[in-house]
């Protein structure tokens, strides 16, 4: 129900004056392509994040690595039947035993972030209006938009929760 109200307000333009710079998280935790998936998992769990921006040595955004990316990577290493053997694990499965298999855990220690990261990510500038970011999230089915400067350096992140906060600010 709240999603309908959020998108109704965004569509009506009630929040057009609120921009990315007004609601983005500026305290960023990033990872590089050369760090291990184990290090990514540690950061994700320590900070309760769903994804991390991947940057190069100069802070340029190169992609992102999410929990979904890591689980898909693990499935590629060790996909095995469920205990009852009646079906195979799928992306929609609540059972993530494959993620915890010894083979997967060992592979994560040595695999690099670049092996699992997504390079197709959604970005915007800090002047992007809130209503347009809501449309972008809906259109691209994403939970976050990475905010970059003119040189491609990441300066913030806007999440769905930030959008809700922005709509509240503009009301």
N, C-alpha and C. Protein backbone atom coordinates (compact mmCIF):
# COMPACT_ATOMS: atom_id res chain seq x y z
N UNK A 1 0.82 -1.18 0.00
CA UNK A 1 0.00 0.00 0.00
C UNK A 1 0.87 1.26 0.00
N UNK A 2 1.90 1.27 0.83
CA UNK A 2 2.77 2.45 0.90
C UNK A 2 3.49 2.68 -0.42
N UNK A 3 3.78 1.58 -1.16
CA UNK A 3 4.45 1.74 -2.46
C UNK A 3 3.56 2.49 -3.43
N UNK A 4 2.26 2.18 -3.42
CA UNK A 4 1.33 2.88 -4.31
C UNK A 4 1.29 4.36 -3.99
N UNK A 5 1.25 4.69 -2.71
CA UNK A 5 1.23 6.09 -2.30
C UNK A 5 2.53 6.79 -2.70
N UNK A 6 3.66 6.11 -2.50
CA UNK A 6 4.95 6.69 -2.88
C UNK A 6 4.99 7.00 -4.36
N UNK A 7 4.63 6.03 -5.19
CA UNK A 7 4.68 6.24 -6.63
C UNK A 7 3.62 7.24 -7.10
N UNK A 8 2.48 7.30 -6.41
CA UNK A 8 1.48 8.31 -6.75
C UNK A 8 2.05 9.71 -6.53
N UNK A 9 2.70 9.90 -5.39
CA UNK A 9 3.28 11.21 -5.09
C UNK A 9 4.42 11.55 -6.05
N UNK A 10 5.24 10.55 -6.35
CA UNK A 10 6.33 10.79 -7.29
C UNK A 10 5.79 11.16 -8.66
N UNK A 11 4.76 10.47 -9.11
CA UNK A 11 4.17 10.71 -10.42
C UNK A 11 3.56 12.11 -10.48
N UNK A 12 2.93 12.53 -9.40
CA UNK A 12 2.32 13.85 -9.36
C UNK A 12 3.35 14.97 -9.29
N UNK A 13 4.59 14.63 -9.05
CA UNK A 13 5.63 15.65 -9.00
C UNK A 13 5.70 16.40 -7.69
N UNK A 14 5.06 15.88 -6.66
CA UNK A 14 5.06 16.56 -5.37
C UNK A 14 6.47 16.69 -4.81
N UNK A 15 7.38 15.83 -5.26
CA UNK A 15 8.72 15.83 -4.69
C UNK A 15 9.77 16.28 -5.70
N UNK A 16 9.36 17.03 -6.71
CA UNK A 16 10.29 17.44 -7.76
C UNK A 16 11.40 18.35 -7.24
N UNK A 17 11.17 19.06 -6.14
CA UNK A 17 12.19 19.97 -5.64
C UNK A 17 13.26 19.25 -4.82
N UNK A 18 12.97 18.07 -4.35
CA UNK A 18 13.96 17.28 -3.61
C UNK A 18 14.84 16.60 -4.64
N UNK A 19 16.14 16.69 -4.44
CA UNK A 19 17.10 16.13 -5.39
C UNK A 19 17.98 15.09 -4.69
N UNK A 20 18.72 14.35 -5.50
CA UNK A 20 19.59 13.30 -4.96
C UNK A 20 20.48 13.84 -3.85
N UNK A 21 21.06 15.01 -4.05
CA UNK A 21 21.99 15.57 -3.07
C UNK A 21 21.32 15.81 -1.71
N UNK A 22 19.98 15.95 -1.70
CA UNK A 22 19.27 16.21 -0.46
C UNK A 22 19.03 14.95 0.37
N UNK A 23 19.04 13.79 -0.26
CA UNK A 23 18.66 12.57 0.45
C UNK A 23 19.70 11.45 0.37
N UNK A 24 20.74 11.62 -0.44
CA UNK A 24 21.70 10.52 -0.64
C UNK A 24 22.55 10.28 0.60
N UNK A 25 22.95 9.02 0.75
CA UNK A 25 23.90 8.67 1.80
C UNK A 25 25.28 9.03 1.28
N UNK A 26 26.01 9.81 2.07
CA UNK A 26 27.34 10.26 1.65
C UNK A 26 28.46 9.44 2.29
N UNK A 27 28.15 8.78 3.38
CA UNK A 27 29.15 7.93 4.05
C UNK A 27 29.18 6.61 3.31
N UNK A 28 30.15 6.47 2.44
CA UNK A 28 30.19 5.32 1.56
C UNK A 28 31.18 4.26 2.03
N UNK A 29 30.77 3.04 1.89
CA UNK A 29 31.67 1.91 2.09
C UNK A 29 31.76 1.25 0.73
N UNK A 30 32.95 1.18 0.19
CA UNK A 30 33.16 0.65 -1.15
C UNK A 30 34.11 -0.54 -1.10
N UNK A 31 34.24 -1.19 -2.24
CA UNK A 31 35.15 -2.31 -2.38
C UNK A 31 35.77 -2.21 -3.77
N UNK A 32 36.94 -2.81 -3.95
CA UNK A 32 37.56 -2.80 -5.27
C UNK A 32 37.39 -4.15 -5.96
N UNK A 33 37.60 -4.17 -7.25
CA UNK A 33 37.47 -5.40 -8.04
C UNK A 33 38.46 -6.47 -7.61
N UNK A 34 39.57 -6.06 -7.03
CA UNK A 34 40.64 -6.99 -6.67
C UNK A 34 40.51 -7.58 -5.27
N UNK A 35 39.50 -7.18 -4.52
CA UNK A 35 39.28 -7.76 -3.20
C UNK A 35 38.49 -9.05 -3.37
N UNK A 36 38.52 -9.90 -2.37
CA UNK A 36 37.86 -11.20 -2.48
C UNK A 36 36.36 -11.09 -2.18
N UNK A 37 35.63 -12.08 -2.66
CA UNK A 37 34.20 -12.15 -2.34
C UNK A 37 34.00 -12.34 -0.84
N UNK A 38 34.91 -13.02 -0.20
CA UNK A 38 34.84 -13.17 1.26
C UNK A 38 34.87 -11.80 1.93
N UNK A 39 35.73 -10.91 1.44
CA UNK A 39 35.80 -9.56 2.01
C UNK A 39 34.50 -8.80 1.72
N UNK A 40 33.93 -9.00 0.55
CA UNK A 40 32.65 -8.35 0.22
C UNK A 40 31.55 -8.85 1.15
N UNK A 41 31.50 -10.16 1.35
CA UNK A 41 30.49 -10.75 2.25
C UNK A 41 30.65 -10.19 3.66
N UNK A 42 31.87 -10.09 4.13
CA UNK A 42 32.12 -9.54 5.46
C UNK A 42 31.59 -8.11 5.58
N UNK A 43 31.85 -7.27 4.57
CA UNK A 43 31.37 -5.89 4.60
C UNK A 43 29.84 -5.83 4.53
N UNK A 44 29.26 -6.63 3.65
CA UNK A 44 27.80 -6.63 3.51
C UNK A 44 27.12 -7.03 4.82
N UNK A 45 27.63 -8.07 5.46
CA UNK A 45 26.99 -8.53 6.70
C UNK A 45 27.29 -7.60 7.87
N UNK A 46 28.49 -7.07 7.94
CA UNK A 46 28.85 -6.17 9.03
C UNK A 46 27.99 -4.91 9.03
N UNK A 47 27.69 -4.39 7.84
CA UNK A 47 26.95 -3.13 7.74
C UNK A 47 25.48 -3.31 7.38
N UNK A 48 25.04 -4.57 7.23
CA UNK A 48 23.65 -4.87 6.90
C UNK A 48 23.24 -4.22 5.58
N UNK A 49 24.11 -4.32 4.58
CA UNK A 49 23.85 -3.77 3.25
C UNK A 49 23.41 -4.88 2.31
N UNK A 50 22.72 -4.50 1.26
CA UNK A 50 22.34 -5.43 0.22
C UNK A 50 23.30 -5.41 -0.94
N UNK A 51 24.11 -4.36 -1.03
CA UNK A 51 25.05 -4.23 -2.13
C UNK A 51 26.13 -3.21 -1.81
N UNK A 52 27.22 -3.30 -2.56
CA UNK A 52 28.35 -2.38 -2.38
C UNK A 52 28.79 -1.83 -3.73
N UNK A 53 29.12 -0.55 -3.78
CA UNK A 53 29.71 -0.03 -5.01
C UNK A 53 31.15 -0.54 -5.16
N UNK A 54 31.50 -0.88 -6.39
CA UNK A 54 32.86 -1.34 -6.69
C UNK A 54 33.58 -0.18 -7.39
N UNK A 55 34.72 0.20 -6.84
CA UNK A 55 35.47 1.34 -7.38
C UNK A 55 36.89 0.92 -7.75
N UNK A 56 37.51 1.75 -8.59
CA UNK A 56 38.93 1.54 -8.90
C UNK A 56 39.76 2.36 -7.91
N UNK A 57 41.05 2.37 -8.09
CA UNK A 57 41.96 3.05 -7.17
C UNK A 57 41.73 4.55 -7.06
N UNK A 58 41.12 5.15 -8.09
CA UNK A 58 40.86 6.59 -8.07
C UNK A 58 39.46 6.94 -7.59
N UNK A 59 38.69 5.92 -7.19
CA UNK A 59 37.33 6.18 -6.71
C UNK A 59 36.29 6.22 -7.81
N UNK A 60 36.66 5.83 -9.02
CA UNK A 60 35.69 5.79 -10.12
C UNK A 60 34.81 4.55 -9.97
N UNK A 61 33.54 4.73 -10.18
CA UNK A 61 32.59 3.63 -10.06
C UNK A 61 32.77 2.65 -11.21
N UNK A 62 33.01 1.39 -10.90
CA UNK A 62 33.24 0.34 -11.90
C UNK A 62 32.07 -0.63 -12.00
N UNK A 63 31.25 -0.69 -10.95
CA UNK A 63 30.13 -1.62 -10.91
C UNK A 63 29.62 -1.73 -9.49
N UNK A 64 28.95 -2.85 -9.21
CA UNK A 64 28.43 -3.09 -7.87
C UNK A 64 28.40 -4.59 -7.64
N UNK A 65 28.48 -4.97 -6.39
CA UNK A 65 28.35 -6.38 -6.03
C UNK A 65 27.28 -6.46 -4.95
N UNK A 66 26.29 -7.33 -5.18
CA UNK A 66 25.17 -7.46 -4.25
C UNK A 66 25.12 -8.88 -3.70
N UNK A 67 24.27 -9.05 -2.71
CA UNK A 67 24.06 -10.38 -2.16
C UNK A 67 23.58 -11.32 -3.26
N UNK A 68 22.68 -10.84 -4.10
CA UNK A 68 22.18 -11.64 -5.21
C UNK A 68 23.30 -12.07 -6.14
N UNK A 69 24.21 -11.15 -6.46
CA UNK A 69 25.35 -11.48 -7.32
C UNK A 69 26.19 -12.59 -6.71
N UNK A 70 26.41 -12.51 -5.41
CA UNK A 70 27.26 -13.49 -4.72
C UNK A 70 26.58 -14.85 -4.66
N UNK A 71 25.28 -14.87 -4.36
CA UNK A 71 24.57 -16.14 -4.33
C UNK A 71 24.54 -16.78 -5.71
N UNK A 72 24.34 -15.97 -6.76
CA UNK A 72 24.37 -16.52 -8.12
C UNK A 72 25.75 -17.08 -8.46
N UNK A 73 26.79 -16.41 -8.02
CA UNK A 73 28.14 -16.90 -8.23
C UNK A 73 28.32 -18.25 -7.52
N UNK A 74 27.85 -18.34 -6.28
CA UNK A 74 27.97 -19.58 -5.51
C UNK A 74 27.21 -20.72 -6.19
N UNK A 75 26.04 -20.42 -6.71
CA UNK A 75 25.25 -21.44 -7.39
C UNK A 75 25.99 -22.00 -8.60
N UNK A 76 26.75 -21.14 -9.27
CA UNK A 76 27.52 -21.59 -10.42
C UNK A 76 28.64 -22.54 -10.05
N UNK A 77 29.08 -22.47 -8.82
CA UNK A 77 30.18 -23.31 -8.34
C UNK A 77 29.68 -24.68 -7.91
N UNK A 78 28.56 -24.70 -7.18
CA UNK A 78 28.14 -25.94 -6.55
C UNK A 78 26.63 -26.05 -6.50
N UNK A 79 26.00 -26.32 -7.62
CA UNK A 79 24.56 -26.51 -7.64
C UNK A 79 24.28 -27.99 -7.46
N UNK A 80 23.55 -28.31 -6.42
CA UNK A 80 23.27 -29.71 -6.15
C UNK A 80 21.81 -29.87 -5.75
N UNK A 81 21.28 -31.08 -5.82
CA UNK A 81 19.86 -31.28 -5.51
C UNK A 81 19.53 -30.97 -4.06
N UNK A 82 18.27 -30.61 -3.84
CA UNK A 82 17.77 -30.46 -2.47
C UNK A 82 17.81 -31.82 -1.78
N UNK A 83 17.69 -31.81 -0.47
CA UNK A 83 17.76 -33.03 0.32
C UNK A 83 16.75 -34.08 -0.17
N UNK A 84 15.52 -33.64 -0.51
CA UNK A 84 14.51 -34.62 -0.92
C UNK A 84 14.66 -35.00 -2.40
N UNK A 85 15.62 -34.42 -3.10
CA UNK A 85 15.93 -34.74 -4.49
C UNK A 85 14.78 -34.50 -5.46
N UNK A 86 13.73 -33.81 -5.03
CA UNK A 86 12.57 -33.62 -5.89
C UNK A 86 12.70 -32.41 -6.81
N UNK A 87 13.57 -31.50 -6.48
CA UNK A 87 13.76 -30.33 -7.34
C UNK A 87 15.16 -29.77 -7.12
N UNK A 88 15.58 -28.89 -8.02
CA UNK A 88 16.89 -28.27 -7.92
C UNK A 88 16.76 -26.91 -7.28
N UNK A 89 17.85 -26.42 -6.71
CA UNK A 89 17.85 -25.06 -6.17
C UNK A 89 17.54 -24.10 -7.31
N UNK A 90 16.87 -23.03 -6.99
CA UNK A 90 16.61 -22.00 -8.00
C UNK A 90 16.87 -20.64 -7.37
N UNK A 91 16.88 -19.62 -8.20
CA UNK A 91 17.10 -18.26 -7.71
C UNK A 91 15.99 -17.85 -6.74
N UNK A 92 14.82 -18.49 -6.85
CA UNK A 92 13.70 -18.15 -6.00
C UNK A 92 13.65 -18.99 -4.73
N UNK A 93 14.56 -19.92 -4.58
CA UNK A 93 14.56 -20.83 -3.44
C UNK A 93 14.91 -20.09 -2.16
N UNK A 94 14.19 -20.42 -1.09
CA UNK A 94 14.50 -19.86 0.22
C UNK A 94 15.67 -20.61 0.86
N UNK A 95 15.95 -21.79 0.36
CA UNK A 95 17.00 -22.62 0.92
C UNK A 95 18.33 -22.24 0.27
N UNK A 96 19.25 -21.74 1.05
CA UNK A 96 20.52 -21.30 0.47
C UNK A 96 21.68 -22.19 0.88
N UNK A 97 21.39 -23.47 1.04
CA UNK A 97 22.44 -24.41 1.42
C UNK A 97 23.60 -24.41 0.44
N UNK A 98 23.33 -24.17 -0.84
CA UNK A 98 24.44 -24.16 -1.80
C UNK A 98 25.44 -23.07 -1.45
N UNK A 99 24.93 -21.99 -0.92
CA UNK A 99 25.79 -20.87 -0.54
C UNK A 99 26.75 -21.29 0.57
N UNK A 100 26.29 -22.22 1.40
CA UNK A 100 27.09 -22.63 2.54
C UNK A 100 27.85 -23.94 2.31
N UNK A 101 27.82 -24.48 1.12
CA UNK A 101 28.57 -25.70 0.88
C UNK A 101 30.06 -25.41 1.04
N UNK A 102 30.81 -26.40 1.41
CA UNK A 102 32.25 -26.20 1.61
C UNK A 102 32.92 -25.75 0.32
N UNK A 103 32.51 -26.34 -0.79
CA UNK A 103 33.10 -25.98 -2.07
C UNK A 103 32.87 -24.49 -2.38
N UNK A 104 31.66 -23.99 -2.13
CA UNK A 104 31.35 -22.58 -2.36
C UNK A 104 32.13 -21.67 -1.41
N UNK A 105 32.17 -22.05 -0.13
CA UNK A 105 32.89 -21.22 0.85
C UNK A 105 34.36 -21.11 0.49
N UNK A 106 34.97 -22.20 0.09
CA UNK A 106 36.38 -22.19 -0.30
C UNK A 106 36.60 -21.32 -1.54
N UNK A 107 35.70 -21.43 -2.48
CA UNK A 107 35.82 -20.63 -3.70
C UNK A 107 35.71 -19.13 -3.40
N UNK A 108 34.87 -18.76 -2.45
CA UNK A 108 34.67 -17.34 -2.10
C UNK A 108 35.94 -16.73 -1.50
N UNK A 109 36.73 -17.55 -0.82
CA UNK A 109 37.96 -17.04 -0.22
C UNK A 109 38.95 -16.59 -1.29
N UNK A 110 38.91 -17.22 -2.45
CA UNK A 110 39.87 -16.92 -3.50
C UNK A 110 39.30 -16.12 -4.67
N UNK A 111 37.98 -16.20 -4.87
CA UNK A 111 37.35 -15.48 -5.99
C UNK A 111 37.40 -13.99 -5.72
N UNK A 112 37.54 -13.23 -6.78
CA UNK A 112 37.61 -11.78 -6.67
C UNK A 112 36.24 -11.16 -6.94
N UNK A 113 36.03 -9.98 -6.41
CA UNK A 113 34.78 -9.25 -6.61
C UNK A 113 34.47 -9.15 -8.11
N UNK A 114 35.48 -8.94 -8.94
CA UNK A 114 35.25 -8.81 -10.39
C UNK A 114 34.60 -10.05 -10.98
N UNK A 115 34.74 -11.21 -10.31
CA UNK A 115 34.16 -12.46 -10.80
C UNK A 115 32.64 -12.50 -10.65
N UNK A 116 32.09 -11.71 -9.74
CA UNK A 116 30.66 -11.78 -9.45
C UNK A 116 29.93 -10.45 -9.63
N UNK A 117 30.64 -9.35 -9.73
CA UNK A 117 30.01 -8.03 -9.73
C UNK A 117 29.19 -7.78 -10.99
N UNK A 118 28.25 -6.86 -10.86
CA UNK A 118 27.45 -6.38 -11.99
C UNK A 118 28.10 -5.11 -12.51
N UNK A 119 28.21 -5.00 -13.81
CA UNK A 119 28.75 -3.77 -14.39
C UNK A 119 27.65 -2.87 -14.93
N UNK A 120 26.47 -3.43 -15.13
CA UNK A 120 25.32 -2.63 -15.57
C UNK A 120 24.59 -2.14 -14.34
N UNK A 121 24.91 -0.92 -13.94
CA UNK A 121 24.28 -0.34 -12.75
C UNK A 121 23.63 0.98 -13.13
N UNK A 122 22.76 1.44 -12.29
CA UNK A 122 22.02 2.68 -12.55
C UNK A 122 22.69 3.81 -11.78
N UNK A 123 23.02 4.88 -12.51
CA UNK A 123 23.66 6.04 -11.90
C UNK A 123 22.87 7.30 -12.21
N UNK A 124 23.13 8.31 -11.42
CA UNK A 124 22.52 9.63 -11.62
C UNK A 124 23.46 10.67 -11.04
N UNK A 125 23.22 11.91 -11.39
CA UNK A 125 23.97 13.02 -10.81
C UNK A 125 23.28 13.53 -9.56
N UNK A 126 23.99 14.36 -8.82
CA UNK A 126 23.44 14.83 -7.54
C UNK A 126 22.26 15.78 -7.70
N UNK A 127 22.04 16.31 -8.90
CA UNK A 127 20.91 17.21 -9.15
C UNK A 127 19.66 16.47 -9.64
N UNK A 128 19.74 15.15 -9.75
CA UNK A 128 18.60 14.36 -10.25
C UNK A 128 17.40 14.53 -9.33
N UNK A 129 16.23 14.89 -9.89
CA UNK A 129 15.03 15.05 -9.06
C UNK A 129 14.55 13.72 -8.48
N UNK A 130 13.96 13.81 -7.33
CA UNK A 130 13.47 12.63 -6.62
C UNK A 130 12.47 11.84 -7.46
N UNK A 131 11.55 12.54 -8.11
CA UNK A 131 10.54 11.82 -8.88
C UNK A 131 11.17 11.03 -10.03
N UNK A 132 12.21 11.54 -10.65
CA UNK A 132 12.87 10.81 -11.73
C UNK A 132 13.62 9.60 -11.17
N UNK A 133 14.22 9.73 -10.00
CA UNK A 133 14.91 8.57 -9.40
C UNK A 133 13.91 7.47 -9.08
N UNK A 134 12.71 7.84 -8.64
CA UNK A 134 11.67 6.84 -8.38
C UNK A 134 11.30 6.11 -9.66
N UNK A 135 11.17 6.86 -10.74
CA UNK A 135 10.86 6.23 -12.04
C UNK A 135 11.99 5.31 -12.48
N UNK A 136 13.23 5.74 -12.27
CA UNK A 136 14.38 4.93 -12.67
C UNK A 136 14.41 3.61 -11.89
N UNK A 137 14.17 3.69 -10.59
CA UNK A 137 14.17 2.47 -9.77
C UNK A 137 13.08 1.51 -10.24
N UNK A 138 11.92 2.05 -10.52
CA UNK A 138 10.81 1.21 -10.97
C UNK A 138 11.11 0.60 -12.34
N UNK A 139 11.57 1.43 -13.26
CA UNK A 139 11.85 0.97 -14.63
C UNK A 139 12.95 -0.08 -14.67
N UNK A 140 13.99 0.10 -13.88
CA UNK A 140 15.14 -0.81 -13.90
C UNK A 140 15.07 -1.88 -12.80
N UNK A 141 14.00 -1.85 -12.01
CA UNK A 141 13.81 -2.84 -10.94
C UNK A 141 15.05 -2.95 -10.06
N UNK A 142 15.44 -1.82 -9.54
CA UNK A 142 16.62 -1.78 -8.67
C UNK A 142 16.26 -1.14 -7.34
N UNK A 143 17.06 -1.42 -6.33
CA UNK A 143 16.83 -0.88 -5.00
C UNK A 143 17.72 0.31 -4.68
N UNK A 144 18.66 0.60 -5.57
CA UNK A 144 19.58 1.69 -5.28
C UNK A 144 20.07 2.34 -6.57
N UNK A 145 20.35 3.62 -6.46
CA UNK A 145 20.95 4.38 -7.55
C UNK A 145 22.24 4.97 -7.02
N UNK A 146 23.31 4.78 -7.78
CA UNK A 146 24.61 5.30 -7.39
C UNK A 146 24.75 6.72 -7.94
N UNK A 147 25.11 7.64 -7.07
CA UNK A 147 25.23 9.04 -7.45
C UNK A 147 26.71 9.33 -7.73
N UNK A 148 26.97 9.84 -8.94
CA UNK A 148 28.34 10.09 -9.37
C UNK A 148 28.50 11.56 -9.77
N UNK A 149 29.75 12.03 -9.69
CA UNK A 149 30.05 13.38 -10.15
C UNK A 149 30.37 13.35 -11.64
N UNK A 150 30.75 14.49 -12.19
CA UNK A 150 31.02 14.59 -13.63
C UNK A 150 32.19 13.73 -14.09
N UNK A 151 33.08 13.36 -13.17
CA UNK A 151 34.24 12.52 -13.52
C UNK A 151 33.97 11.04 -13.31
N UNK A 152 32.77 10.68 -12.89
CA UNK A 152 32.44 9.27 -12.68
C UNK A 152 32.82 8.74 -11.31
N UNK A 153 33.18 9.63 -10.39
CA UNK A 153 33.50 9.20 -9.03
C UNK A 153 32.21 9.13 -8.22
N UNK A 154 32.09 8.07 -7.45
CA UNK A 154 30.88 7.91 -6.65
C UNK A 154 30.91 8.89 -5.48
N UNK A 155 29.78 9.59 -5.29
CA UNK A 155 29.69 10.57 -4.20
C UNK A 155 28.52 10.26 -3.26
N UNK A 156 27.68 9.28 -3.63
CA UNK A 156 26.56 8.93 -2.77
C UNK A 156 25.75 7.78 -3.32
N UNK A 157 24.77 7.37 -2.53
CA UNK A 157 23.85 6.30 -2.92
C UNK A 157 22.45 6.73 -2.47
N UNK A 158 21.47 6.50 -3.33
CA UNK A 158 20.07 6.72 -2.97
C UNK A 158 19.38 5.37 -3.02
N UNK A 159 18.75 5.00 -1.91
CA UNK A 159 18.03 3.73 -1.82
C UNK A 159 16.52 4.00 -1.83
N UNK A 160 15.74 2.94 -1.90
CA UNK A 160 14.28 3.10 -1.83
C UNK A 160 13.88 3.77 -0.51
N UNK A 161 14.55 3.43 0.56
CA UNK A 161 14.25 4.06 1.85
C UNK A 161 14.52 5.55 1.80
N UNK A 162 15.57 5.96 1.09
CA UNK A 162 15.87 7.39 0.93
C UNK A 162 14.75 8.08 0.16
N UNK A 163 14.20 7.39 -0.85
CA UNK A 163 13.08 7.97 -1.62
C UNK A 163 11.89 8.26 -0.72
N UNK A 164 11.58 7.32 0.15
CA UNK A 164 10.45 7.52 1.07
C UNK A 164 10.71 8.71 1.98
N UNK A 165 11.94 8.81 2.46
CA UNK A 165 12.32 9.95 3.31
C UNK A 165 12.19 11.25 2.51
N UNK A 166 12.57 11.24 1.24
CA UNK A 166 12.47 12.42 0.40
C UNK A 166 11.04 12.85 0.16
N UNK A 167 10.15 11.88 -0.04
CA UNK A 167 8.74 12.20 -0.22
C UNK A 167 8.20 12.83 1.05
N UNK A 168 8.63 12.31 2.20
CA UNK A 168 8.21 12.87 3.48
C UNK A 168 8.68 14.31 3.63
N UNK A 169 9.92 14.60 3.19
CA UNK A 169 10.46 15.96 3.28
C UNK A 169 9.66 16.94 2.43
N UNK A 170 9.19 16.46 1.28
CA UNK A 170 8.54 17.36 0.34
C UNK A 170 7.06 17.58 0.62
N UNK A 171 6.49 16.76 1.50
CA UNK A 171 5.05 16.84 1.77
C UNK A 171 4.73 18.01 2.69
